[in-house]
Amino acid sequence: MKVLITGGAGMVGSHAAEYYSKKGDEVIVLDNLMRSSLFGYNKESVEFNWNYLSQLDNVKRIKGDVREEADVMKALAGGVDAVIHTAGQPGVALSMEKPREDFSINAYGTLNVLECVRKTCPSAAFVYCSTNKIYGENVDAIALEEEETRYRYKSKKGVPETLGVDLTGHTPYGASKYTGDIYTQEYARIYGMKTAVFRMSCIYGTRQFGFEDQGWVAWFVIANLTGQSIVIYGDGKQVRDLLYADDLVEAYDKFIIGTEKHNVYNIGGGPRNTTSLLEFISLIESKTGIKFRKVEHKDWRPSDQKVYISDISKVSKALDWKPKVSPEKGLEKLIEWVGANTKYFI
């Protein structure tokens, strides 16, 4: 099989490339390596992963932008069997500072890749990395109970794919990602392409260069091991379900090689793999034996859902899939990786 991975130097993209490389498949990675400059980060991030990919078998790297038709067509040359579209602008705060840039990457970039695939290899499976942020503040209408260290849904186990997306706040990031989400669905409906939308919760893993504005799981580990302070926006009782990147990629592959023609899936760790920020801080400290230098609290951020837990019953049944890596085991992998690469974070 021949697989194109856009944004392949990102955390999810690099794990996908590694997964297919190990399977012996032919992998093409397309990335413009702009993440560090986009976030004003003065050290390597995606550049580290770009170099890592050069060590893998059967991986061809192409530096290019998903917004440029020529770059995408070069990556698709000769056709592919599957496209995993992980490329995107992932920061909520950045989307509010630079909404045009956010839209051009997340919305137009997705449309451009879809159209190039339709023109060159319309039978290829297409996987779109969407987000729980497409539901926006509608999630906050779900009744909650407050406990000592977390909030909890009163009557739901998780958020289903049927939750409404309209008449609510999203942030520009949520809006731009939803645009790509809808286009991916329409390319299946109008053009008959095999497409899947994965509305992802909190994905984490090794080779994740987390910042305060994006990738909080890795950022908390990085801050703990390098003696940096962290900021919690809100009271810290907000809850997310965590999914290790390798488990996510396995779900992608099950769709690609499976019989499902098109679908939309909420995906994350599900109700069995949840944590609040306060609980996760304690878990990190227990694993590393290091107390955080300082934990500061600030006001809640716009459209920050107090609880988001994916209802993964649909994806589990449709793809015969379930998470394998617990947050405890995943955290241990992340701590080991950050510990071995601290020079990139200080």
Protein backbone atom coordinates (compact mmCIF):
# COMPACT_ATOMS: atom_id res chain seq x y z
CA MET A 1 0.00 0.00 0.00
CA LYS A 2 1.10 3.55 -0.72
CA VAL A 3 0.12 6.18 1.86
CA LEU A 4 0.40 9.97 1.80
CA ILE A 5 0.54 11.64 5.21
CA THR A 6 0.13 15.41 5.21
CA GLY A 7 1.62 17.16 8.21
CA GLY A 8 3.75 14.08 8.62
CA ALA A 9 6.33 15.82 10.79
CA GLY A 10 3.72 16.54 13.45
CA MET A 11 3.09 14.27 16.39
CA VAL A 12 0.15 12.34 14.92
CA GLY A 13 1.64 12.42 11.42
CA SER A 14 5.00 11.04 12.54
CA HIS A 15 3.31 8.21 14.43
CA ALA A 16 1.27 7.39 11.33
CA ALA A 17 4.41 7.37 9.18
CA GLU A 18 6.17 5.10 11.66
CA TYR A 19 3.16 2.75 11.77
CA TYR A 20 3.05 2.24 8.00
CA SER A 21 6.82 2.07 7.70
CA LYS A 22 6.83 -0.84 10.14
CA LYS A 23 4.12 -2.53 8.07
CA GLY A 24 6.39 -2.33 5.04
CA ASP A 25 4.15 0.10 3.16
CA GLU A 26 5.37 2.96 0.98
CA VAL A 27 5.01 6.27 2.84
CA ILE A 28 5.10 9.81 1.46
CA VAL A 29 5.26 12.60 4.02
CA LEU A 30 4.32 16.17 3.09
CA ASP A 31 5.09 18.98 5.55
CA ASN A 32 6.05 22.65 5.30
CA LEU A 33 7.85 22.60 8.69
CA MET A 34 6.26 25.87 9.78
CA ARG A 35 4.98 24.88 13.22
CA SER A 36 7.90 26.33 15.17
CA SER A 37 7.75 29.69 13.36
CA LEU A 38 3.95 29.77 13.51
CA PHE A 39 4.04 29.54 17.31
CA GLY A 40 7.20 31.63 17.72
CA TYR A 41 9.14 28.66 19.10
CA ASN A 42 12.89 29.23 18.82
CA LYS A 43 13.93 25.58 19.02
CA GLU A 44 13.35 22.52 16.86
CA SER A 45 9.96 20.80 17.04
CA VAL A 46 8.70 19.38 13.75
CA GLU A 47 12.30 19.63 12.54
CA PHE A 48 13.16 16.93 15.11
CA ASN A 49 10.42 14.68 13.73
CA TRP A 50 11.44 15.46 10.14
CA ASN A 51 14.93 14.18 10.90
CA TYR A 52 13.50 11.18 12.75
CA LEU A 53 11.45 10.21 9.69
CA SER A 54 14.61 10.10 7.56
CA GLN A 55 15.71 7.10 9.61
CA LEU A 56 12.61 5.03 8.80
CA ASP A 57 12.37 2.54 5.94
CA ASN A 58 10.19 3.29 2.90
CA VAL A 59 9.54 6.91 3.88
CA LYS A 60 9.90 9.69 1.32
CA ARG A 61 9.85 13.25 2.65
CA ILE A 62 8.57 16.17 0.58
CA LYS A 63 8.75 19.71 1.90
CA GLY A 64 5.59 21.45 0.77
CA ASP A 65 2.37 23.18 1.79
CA VAL A 66 -1.12 21.67 1.66
CA ARG A 67 -2.40 25.03 0.39
CA GLU A 68 -0.25 24.79 -2.75
CA GLU A 69 -1.74 22.60 -5.48
CA ALA A 70 1.65 21.90 -7.05
CA ASP A 71 3.06 20.64 -3.75
CA VAL A 72 0.13 18.31 -3.12
CA MET A 73 0.15 17.02 -6.70
CA LYS A 74 3.88 16.29 -6.39
CA ALA A 75 3.20 14.23 -3.28
CA LEU A 76 0.39 12.38 -5.05
CA ALA A 77 2.43 11.66 -8.18
CA GLY A 78 1.71 8.16 -9.44
CA GLY A 79 -1.30 7.87 -7.17
CA VAL A 80 -1.72 6.61 -3.63
CA ASP A 81 -4.01 4.15 -1.88
CA ALA A 82 -4.70 6.31 1.16
CA VAL A 83 -4.30 9.87 2.42
CA ILE A 84 -4.13 10.69 6.12
CA HIS A 85 -4.64 14.44 6.39
CA THR A 86 -3.08 15.46 9.69
CA ALA A 87 -1.77 18.84 8.49
CA GLY A 88 -3.37 21.74 10.30
CA GLN A 89 -3.07 24.81 12.49
CA PRO A 90 -3.77 23.29 15.94
CA GLY A 91 -3.84 26.29 18.28
CA VAL A 92 -7.09 27.78 19.60
CA ALA A 93 -5.44 30.96 20.87
CA LEU A 94 -3.48 31.39 17.64
CA SER A 95 -6.69 31.08 15.61
CA MET A 96 -8.05 34.12 17.42
CA GLU A 97 -4.86 36.09 16.79
CA LYS A 98 -4.51 35.03 13.13
CA PRO A 99 -7.94 33.93 11.84
CA ARG A 100 -6.99 34.28 8.15
CA GLU A 101 -3.94 32.05 8.58
CA ASP A 102 -6.00 29.57 10.58
CA PHE A 103 -8.68 29.41 7.87
CA SER A 104 -6.22 29.11 5.02
CA ILE A 105 -4.47 26.13 6.60
CA ASN A 106 -7.38 24.25 8.14
CA ALA A 107 -10.22 24.99 5.74
CA TYR A 108 -8.66 25.81 2.37
CA GLY A 109 -5.77 23.39 2.91
CA THR A 110 -8.22 20.53 3.44
CA LEU A 111 -10.27 21.45 0.39
CA ASN A 112 -7.12 21.65 -1.72
CA VAL A 113 -5.95 18.20 -0.66
CA LEU A 114 -9.41 16.69 -1.22
CA GLU A 115 -9.61 18.19 -4.69
CA CYS A 116 -6.13 17.01 -5.65
CA VAL A 117 -6.97 13.49 -4.47
CA ARG A 118 -10.25 13.55 -6.43
CA LYS A 119 -8.40 14.55 -9.60
CA THR A 120 -5.54 12.04 -9.32
CA CYS A 121 -6.65 9.00 -7.31
CA PRO A 122 -10.36 9.24 -6.41
CA SER A 123 -10.48 5.66 -5.15
CA ALA A 124 -7.95 6.41 -2.38
CA ALA A 125 -9.22 6.35 1.20
CA PHE A 126 -9.13 9.78 2.83
CA VAL A 127 -8.84 10.28 6.60
CA TYR A 128 -9.47 13.73 8.05
CA CYS A 129 -8.24 14.70 11.50
CA SER A 130 -11.12 16.72 12.93
CA THR A 131 -11.59 17.81 16.53
CA ASN A 132 -14.06 17.86 19.41
CA LYS A 133 -13.96 21.66 19.11
CA ILE A 134 -16.46 21.46 16.23
CA TYR A 135 -19.16 20.95 18.88
CA GLY A 136 -18.12 24.19 20.55
CA GLU A 137 -19.99 25.35 23.62
CA ASN A 138 -22.89 22.96 22.95
CA VAL A 139 -20.89 20.51 25.02
CA ASP A 140 -21.37 22.79 28.02
CA ALA A 141 -25.14 22.25 27.86
CA ILE A 142 -24.58 18.71 29.14
CA ALA A 143 -25.36 18.70 32.87
CA LEU A 144 -22.35 18.30 35.16
CA GLU A 145 -21.63 17.30 38.72
CA GLU A 146 -18.70 18.89 40.57
CA GLU A 147 -16.42 16.66 42.62
CA GLU A 148 -13.27 17.37 44.60
CA THR A 149 -10.83 17.03 41.69
CA ARG A 150 -13.04 16.97 38.57
CA TYR A 151 -16.32 17.67 36.87
CA ARG A 152 -18.40 14.71 35.72
CA TYR A 153 -21.30 14.25 33.31
CA LYS A 154 -24.51 13.65 35.27
CA SER A 155 -26.24 11.34 32.82
CA LYS A 156 -23.92 10.75 29.83
CA LYS A 157 -20.87 8.56 29.45
CA GLY A 158 -19.56 10.59 26.54
CA VAL A 159 -20.34 12.94 23.65
CA PRO A 160 -21.99 11.21 20.66
CA GLU A 161 -21.60 12.17 16.99
CA THR A 162 -25.22 13.39 17.02
CA LEU A 163 -24.55 16.36 19.32
CA GLY A 164 -25.45 19.62 17.58
CA VAL A 165 -22.79 21.89 16.13
CA ASP A 166 -24.83 25.04 15.35
CA LEU A 167 -25.92 28.15 17.27
CA THR A 168 -22.98 28.11 19.63
CA GLY A 169 -19.48 29.51 20.09
CA HIS A 170 -16.62 27.62 18.47
CA THR A 171 -13.55 29.91 18.22
CA PRO A 172 -12.07 30.38 14.74
CA TYR A 173 -10.15 27.11 15.19
CA GLY A 174 -13.34 25.14 15.77
CA ALA A 175 -14.96 26.85 12.78
CA SER A 176 -12.05 26.22 10.39
CA LYS A 177 -11.74 22.58 11.43
CA TYR A 178 -15.48 22.09 11.00
CA THR A 179 -15.22 23.49 7.49
CA GLY A 180 -12.74 20.76 6.62
CA ASP A 181 -14.96 18.23 8.41
CA ILE A 182 -17.98 19.12 6.27
CA TYR A 183 -15.99 19.16 3.02
CA THR A 184 -14.65 15.70 3.79
CA GLN A 185 -18.21 14.46 4.27
CA GLU A 186 -19.37 16.13 1.06
CA TYR A 187 -16.59 14.62 -1.04
CA ALA A 188 -17.94 11.23 -0.04
CA ARG A 189 -21.55 12.19 -0.74
CA ILE A 190 -21.06 14.12 -4.00
CA TYR A 191 -18.02 12.41 -5.52
CA GLY A 192 -18.30 8.93 -4.02
CA MET A 193 -14.90 9.03 -2.32
CA LYS A 194 -14.08 6.79 0.65
CA THR A 195 -13.68 9.28 3.51
CA ALA A 196 -13.65 9.22 7.29
CA VAL A 197 -13.87 12.12 9.71
CA PHE A 198 -12.26 11.43 13.08
CA ARG A 199 -13.38 14.03 15.63
CA MET A 200 -10.49 13.68 18.03
CA SER A 201 -10.38 14.38 21.73
CA CYS A 202 -7.04 14.72 23.54
CA ILE A 203 -4.36 12.92 21.52
CA TYR A 204 -0.87 12.66 22.97
CA GLY A 205 2.35 10.73 22.53
CA THR A 206 6.10 10.83 22.11
CA ARG A 207 7.55 13.41 19.72
CA GLN A 208 4.90 15.89 20.85
CA PHE A 209 6.36 19.36 21.29
CA GLY A 210 3.61 20.77 23.48
CA PHE A 211 3.27 24.46 24.27
CA GLU A 212 0.91 26.22 26.63
CA ASP A 213 -1.44 26.94 23.73
CA GLN A 214 -1.37 23.49 22.17
CA GLY A 215 -0.50 19.98 23.30
CA TRP A 216 -1.11 20.41 27.03
CA VAL A 217 -0.36 16.79 27.98
CA ALA A 218 3.18 16.98 26.63
CA TRP A 219 3.58 20.56 27.86
CA PHE A 220 2.82 19.55 31.45
CA VAL A 221 5.42 16.77 31.27
CA ILE A 222 7.99 19.09 29.65
CA ALA A 223 7.41 21.77 32.29
CA ASN A 224 7.70 19.29 35.14
CA LEU A 225 10.97 17.77 33.93
CA THR A 226 12.58 21.10 33.03
CA GLY A 227 11.52 23.11 36.09
CA GLN A 228 9.12 25.45 34.31
CA SER A 229 5.89 26.93 35.68
CA ILE A 230 2.49 26.09 34.23
CA VAL A 231 -0.78 28.00 34.02
CA ILE A 232 -4.19 26.42 34.53
CA TYR A 233 -7.03 28.35 32.93
CA GLY A 234 -10.00 27.82 35.20
CA ASP A 235 -10.07 25.69 38.33
CA GLY A 236 -8.27 22.65 36.92
CA LYS A 237 -11.24 20.34 37.31
CA GLN A 238 -11.87 20.25 33.57
CA VAL A 239 -11.75 16.69 32.21
CA ARG A 240 -10.55 15.16 28.94
CA ASP A 241 -10.29 11.60 27.66
CA LEU A 242 -6.73 10.77 26.60
CA LEU A 243 -5.79 8.64 23.59
CA TYR A 244 -2.25 7.60 22.76
CA ALA A 245 -1.25 8.38 19.17
CA ASP A 246 -0.49 4.76 18.21
CA ASP A 247 -4.03 3.72 19.17
CA LEU A 248 -5.42 6.53 17.03
CA VAL A 249 -3.40 5.48 13.98
CA GLU A 250 -4.60 1.91 14.37
CA ALA A 251 -8.18 3.19 14.05
CA TYR A 252 -7.22 5.10 10.89
CA ASP A 253 -5.76 1.94 9.41
CA LYS A 254 -8.82 -0.14 10.27
CA PHE A 255 -10.94 2.32 8.30
CA ILE A 256 -8.52 2.45 5.37
CA ILE A 257 -8.36 -1.31 4.90
CA GLY A 258 -11.95 -1.98 6.01
CA THR A 259 -15.30 -2.03 4.24
CA GLU A 260 -16.74 1.20 5.65
CA LYS A 261 -17.31 3.58 2.74
CA HIS A 262 -17.77 6.76 4.73
CA ASN A 263 -18.40 7.74 8.31
CA VAL A 264 -17.91 10.28 11.08
CA TYR A 265 -16.42 9.07 14.34
CA ASN A 266 -15.83 10.64 17.73
CA ILE A 267 -12.55 9.21 18.96
CA GLY A 268 -10.54 9.50 22.14
CA GLY A 269 -9.74 7.41 25.15
CA GLY A 270 -13.42 7.22 26.06
CA PRO A 271 -14.94 7.07 29.54
CA ARG A 272 -12.30 4.61 30.84
CA ASN A 273 -9.33 6.86 30.03
CA THR A 274 -10.12 10.26 31.51
CA THR A 275 -8.31 12.74 33.71
CA SER A 276 -8.76 16.24 35.03
CA LEU A 277 -5.91 18.72 34.92
CA LEU A 278 -5.53 18.53 38.71
CA GLU A 279 -5.43 14.74 38.61
CA PHE A 280 -2.93 14.72 35.77
CA ILE A 281 -0.60 17.08 37.61
CA SER A 282 -0.63 14.70 40.58
CA LEU A 283 -0.04 11.71 38.30
CA ILE A 284 2.98 13.37 36.67
CA GLU A 285 4.48 14.25 40.04
CA SER A 286 3.99 10.69 41.26
CA LYS A 287 5.67 9.25 38.14
CA THR A 288 8.65 11.64 38.04
CA GLY A 289 9.09 12.32 41.75
CA ILE A 290 9.38 16.03 40.89
CA LYS A 291 7.03 18.74 42.16
CA PHE A 292 5.97 21.41 39.67
CA ARG A 293 7.91 24.62 40.17
CA LYS A 294 4.72 26.69 40.16
CA VAL A 295 1.09 26.16 39.18
CA GLU A 296 -0.70 29.44 38.45
CA HIS A 297 -4.44 29.88 37.88
CA LYS A 298 -5.99 32.33 35.41
CA ASP A 299 -9.49 32.95 34.03
CA TRP A 300 -11.20 30.40 31.82
CA ARG A 301 -10.41 30.65 28.11
CA PRO A 302 -13.15 31.21 25.49
CA SER A 303 -15.10 28.05 24.55
CA ASP A 304 -12.99 25.86 26.83
CA GLN A 305 -15.23 22.88 27.50
CA LYS A 306 -15.35 21.93 31.20
CA VAL A 307 -15.72 18.27 30.29
CA TYR A 308 -15.16 16.55 27.00
CA ILE A 309 -15.29 12.77 26.91
CA SER A 310 -15.77 10.95 23.62
CA ASP A 311 -18.52 8.38 23.24
CA ILE A 312 -16.41 5.83 21.35
CA SER A 313 -19.11 3.17 21.02
CA LYS A 314 -19.69 3.92 17.33
CA VAL A 315 -16.04 3.79 16.24
CA SER A 316 -15.39 0.76 18.45
CA LYS A 317 -18.22 -1.22 16.84
CA ALA A 318 -17.72 -0.04 13.25
CA LEU A 319 -13.95 -0.63 13.18
CA ASP A 320 -13.60 -3.36 15.82
CA TRP A 321 -11.28 -1.01 17.70
CA LYS A 322 -10.58 0.02 21.27
CA PRO A 323 -7.82 1.92 23.07
CA LYS A 324 -4.93 -0.25 24.27
CA VAL A 325 -2.54 2.21 25.96
CA SER A 326 -3.75 3.51 29.33
CA PRO A 327 -2.99 7.12 30.34
CA GLU A 328 -0.56 5.78 32.96
CA LYS A 329 1.41 3.72 30.42
CA GLY A 330 1.25 6.47 27.80
CA LEU A 331 2.51 9.00 30.33
CA GLU A 332 5.46 6.75 31.17
CA LYS A 333 6.41 6.61 27.47
CA LEU A 334 6.14 10.40 27.21
CA ILE A 335 8.18 11.01 30.36
CA GLU A 336 10.93 8.73 29.05
CA TRP A 337 11.01 10.52 25.69
CA VAL A 338 11.02 14.05 27.14
CA GLY A 339 13.66 13.03 29.65
CA ALA A 340 15.92 11.86 26.84
CA ASN A 341 15.43 15.06 24.82
CA THR A 342 15.34 17.90 27.37
CA LYS A 343 17.79 20.00 25.32
CA TYR A 344 14.91 20.84 22.99
CA PHE A 345 12.84 22.33 25.80
CA ILE A 346 15.25 24.51 27.82
